[in-house]
Amino acid sequence: RNRDAFDGNAVDIWTAGTILFCMVTGNRSYERPHSSDPQFYWMTNGIERLISDWGVSVSDECVHLLKNMLQVDPRLRLTTEEVVSHPWFQYPDEPPPRFNTMMRSLEGLKL
């Protein structure tokens, strides 16, 4: 039996963090939420290194946001208010270069 009360908002932040991770890195999330899953381990214990090793370019603000949304301890996780007021949302970056390249290549297609 679980001793801690269920915190739906903290769970929502975690889920949003995993979705954001997939969106900004273009990679999948973990398969199993346990430290024995290498992807889960690096997402929760070394996200900076994981992103760097993949050669993905994201801002420091984005890394900070992900790191604090993906805190294993829900008491340390950002709240909804903290997420929406985070600098990454307040001052959005330019689209990544591959986005601009993709959009240019799609401009010539007729739908």
C-alpha atoms as a PDB file:
ATOM      1  CA  ARG A   1       0.000   0.000   0.000  1.00  0.00           C
ATOM      2  CA  ASN A   2       1.251   3.464  -0.903  1.00  0.00           C
ATOM      3  CA  ARG A   3       1.994   5.692   2.113  1.00  0.00           C
ATOM      4  CA  ASP A   4       2.094   8.944   0.126  1.00  0.00           C
ATOM      5  CA  ALA A   5      -1.042  10.704  -0.999  1.00  0.00           C
ATOM      6  CA  PHE A   6      -1.601  10.785  -4.753  1.00  0.00           C
ATOM      7  CA  ASP A   7      -0.691  14.133  -6.285  1.00  0.00           C
ATOM      8  CA  GLY A   8      -2.397  14.364  -9.659  1.00  0.00           C
ATOM      9  CA  ASN A   9      -0.784  17.687 -10.539  1.00  0.00           C
ATOM     10  CA  ALA A  10       2.711  16.298  -9.948  1.00  0.00           C
ATOM     11  CA  VAL A  11       1.875  13.294 -12.141  1.00  0.00           C
ATOM     12  CA  ASP A  12       0.630  15.632 -14.879  1.00  0.00           C
ATOM     13  CA  ILE A  13       3.878  17.623 -14.720  1.00  0.00           C
ATOM     14  CA  TRP A  14       5.888  14.393 -15.015  1.00  0.00           C
ATOM     15  CA  THR A  15       3.858  13.281 -18.029  1.00  0.00           C
ATOM     16  CA  ALA A  16       4.147  16.697 -19.675  1.00  0.00           C
ATOM     17  CA  GLY A  17       7.909  16.548 -19.047  1.00  0.00           C
ATOM     18  CA  THR A  18       8.249  13.206 -20.822  1.00  0.00           C
ATOM     19  CA  ILE A  19       6.218  14.500 -23.774  1.00  0.00           C
ATOM     20  CA  LEU A  20       8.277  17.699 -23.929  1.00  0.00           C
ATOM     21  CA  PHE A  21      11.452  15.591 -23.790  1.00  0.00           C
ATOM     22  CA  CYS A  22      10.324  13.620 -26.849  1.00  0.00           C
ATOM     23  CA  MET A  23       9.309  16.776 -28.695  1.00  0.00           C
ATOM     24  CA  VAL A  24      12.532  18.744 -28.166  1.00  0.00           C
ATOM     25  CA  THR A  25      14.952  15.837 -28.597  1.00  0.00           C
ATOM     26  CA  GLY A  26      13.157  13.915 -31.331  1.00  0.00           C
ATOM     27  CA  ASN A  27      13.811  10.733 -29.363  1.00  0.00           C
ATOM     28  CA  ARG A  28      11.688   8.299 -27.431  1.00  0.00           C
ATOM     29  CA  SER A  29      11.142   8.310 -23.712  1.00  0.00           C
ATOM     30  CA  TYR A  30      11.928   5.424 -21.364  1.00  0.00           C
ATOM     31  CA  GLU A  31      10.256   2.008 -21.571  1.00  0.00           C
ATOM     32  CA  ARG A  32      10.079   1.322 -17.834  1.00  0.00           C
ATOM     33  CA  PRO A  33      10.106   3.930 -15.041  1.00  0.00           C
ATOM     34  CA  HIS A  34      12.892   2.253 -13.082  1.00  0.00           C
ATOM     35  CA  SER A  35      16.588   2.984 -12.673  1.00  0.00           C
ATOM     36  CA  SER A  36      17.347  -0.355 -14.379  1.00  0.00           C
ATOM     37  CA  ASP A  37      16.042   1.185 -17.632  1.00  0.00           C
ATOM     38  CA  PRO A  38      19.044   3.127 -19.014  1.00  0.00           C
ATOM     39  CA  GLN A  39      16.873   5.744 -20.696  1.00  0.00           C
ATOM     40  CA  PHE A  40      14.945   6.395 -17.473  1.00  0.00           C
ATOM     41  CA  TYR A  41      18.184   6.542 -15.506  1.00  0.00           C
ATOM     42  CA  TRP A  42      19.749   9.187 -17.768  1.00  0.00           C
ATOM     43  CA  MET A  43      16.526  11.181 -18.082  1.00  0.00           C
ATOM     44  CA  THR A  44      16.324  11.471 -14.288  1.00  0.00           C
ATOM     45  CA  ASN A  45      20.013  11.528 -13.317  1.00  0.00           C
ATOM     46  CA  GLY A  46      21.912  13.092 -16.173  1.00  0.00           C
ATOM     47  CA  ILE A  47      19.630  14.655 -18.725  1.00  0.00           C
ATOM     48  CA  GLU A  48      22.277  17.212 -19.683  1.00  0.00           C
ATOM     49  CA  ARG A  49      24.723  14.466 -20.630  1.00  0.00           C
ATOM     50  CA  LEU A  50      22.045  12.443 -22.419  1.00  0.00           C
ATOM     51  CA  ILE A  51      21.036  15.390 -24.598  1.00  0.00           C
ATOM     52  CA  SER A  52      24.668  16.308 -25.231  1.00  0.00           C
ATOM     53  CA  ASP A  53      25.659  12.720 -26.122  1.00  0.00           C
ATOM     54  CA  TRP A  54      22.812  12.614 -28.651  1.00  0.00           C
ATOM     55  CA  GLY A  55      24.084  15.823 -30.211  1.00  0.00           C
ATOM     56  CA  VAL A  56      20.723  17.513 -29.757  1.00  0.00           C
ATOM     57  CA  SER A  57      20.789  21.290 -29.498  1.00  0.00           C
ATOM     58  CA  VAL A  58      18.447  22.655 -26.829  1.00  0.00           C
ATOM     59  CA  SER A  59      18.760  25.792 -24.748  1.00  0.00           C
ATOM     60  CA  ASP A  60      19.994  25.795 -21.163  1.00  0.00           C
ATOM     61  CA  GLU A  61      16.523  26.986 -20.159  1.00  0.00           C
ATOM     62  CA  CYS A  62      14.946  23.961 -21.829  1.00  0.00           C
ATOM     63  CA  VAL A  63      17.335  21.574 -20.075  1.00  0.00           C
ATOM     64  CA  HIS A  64      16.589  23.277 -16.749  1.00  0.00           C
ATOM     65  CA  LEU A  65      12.846  22.954 -17.354  1.00  0.00           C
ATOM     66  CA  LEU A  66      13.077  19.275 -18.295  1.00  0.00           C
ATOM     67  CA  LYS A  67      15.349  18.479 -15.363  1.00  0.00           C
ATOM     68  CA  ASN A  68      12.884  20.050 -12.945  1.00  0.00           C
ATOM     69  CA  MET A  69       9.780  18.524 -14.511  1.00  0.00           C
ATOM     70  CA  LEU A  70      11.375  15.068 -14.427  1.00  0.00           C
ATOM     71  CA  GLN A  71      12.259  15.052 -10.739  1.00  0.00           C
ATOM     72  CA  VAL A  72      11.613  11.562  -9.374  1.00  0.00           C
ATOM     73  CA  ASP A  73      10.561  13.016  -6.019  1.00  0.00           C
ATOM     74  CA  PRO A  74       7.232  14.778  -6.702  1.00  0.00           C
ATOM     75  CA  ARG A  75       7.900  17.212  -3.849  1.00  0.00           C
ATOM     76  CA  LEU A  76      10.893  18.570  -5.802  1.00  0.00           C
ATOM     77  CA  ARG A  77       9.051  18.715  -9.127  1.00  0.00           C
ATOM     78  CA  LEU A  78       7.941  22.052 -10.548  1.00  0.00           C
ATOM     79  CA  THR A  79       4.308  23.033 -10.067  1.00  0.00           C
ATOM     80  CA  THR A  80       2.048  23.955 -12.968  1.00  0.00           C
ATOM     81  CA  GLU A  81       2.480  27.630 -12.118  1.00  0.00           C
ATOM     82  CA  GLU A  82       6.268  27.271 -12.053  1.00  0.00           C
ATOM     83  CA  VAL A  83       6.252  25.520 -15.430  1.00  0.00           C
ATOM     84  CA  VAL A  84       4.159  28.141 -17.230  1.00  0.00           C
ATOM     85  CA  SER A  85       6.190  30.983 -15.710  1.00  0.00           C
ATOM     86  CA  HIS A  86       9.524  29.295 -16.509  1.00  0.00           C
ATOM     87  CA  PRO A  87      11.911  31.390 -18.659  1.00  0.00           C
ATOM     88  CA  TRP A  88      11.756  28.784 -21.451  1.00  0.00           C
ATOM     89  CA  PHE A  89       8.080  29.632 -21.941  1.00  0.00           C
ATOM     90  CA  GLN A  90       8.529  33.336 -21.346  1.00  0.00           C
ATOM     91  CA  TYR A  91      11.311  33.784 -23.901  1.00  0.00           C
ATOM     92  CA  PRO A  92      10.905  31.111 -26.566  1.00  0.00           C
ATOM     93  CA  ASP A  93      13.910  30.186 -28.654  1.00  0.00           C
ATOM     94  CA  GLU A  94      14.050  30.323 -32.401  1.00  0.00           C
ATOM     95  CA  PRO A  95      12.873  27.098 -34.075  1.00  0.00           C
ATOM     96  CA  PRO A  96      15.665  24.527 -34.372  1.00  0.00           C
ATOM     97  CA  PRO A  97      17.589  24.585 -37.660  1.00  0.00           C
ATOM     98  CA  ARG A  98      16.165  21.242 -38.798  1.00  0.00           C
ATOM     99  CA  PHE A  99      12.650  22.705 -38.439  1.00  0.00           C
ATOM    100  CA  ASN A 100      13.528  25.552 -40.818  1.00  0.00           C
ATOM    101  CA  THR A 101      15.097  23.087 -43.272  1.00  0.00           C
ATOM    102  CA  MET A 102      12.044  20.830 -43.116  1.00  0.00           C
ATOM    103  CA  MET A 103       9.671  23.752 -43.678  1.00  0.00           C
ATOM    104  CA  ARG A 104      11.666  24.927 -46.714  1.00  0.00           C
ATOM    105  CA  SER A 105      11.520  21.441 -48.221  1.00  0.00           C
ATOM    106  CA  LEU A 106       7.744  21.252 -47.674  1.00  0.00           C
ATOM    107  CA  GLU A 107       7.103  24.616 -49.334  1.00  0.00           C
ATOM    108  CA  GLY A 108       7.606  23.084 -52.795  1.00  0.00           C
ATOM    109  CA  LEU A 109       5.064  20.301 -52.260  1.00  0.00           C
ATOM    110  CA  LYS A 110       1.560  20.677 -53.623  1.00  0.00           C
ATOM    111  CA  LEU A 111      -1.196  19.299 -51.464  1.00  0.00           C
END
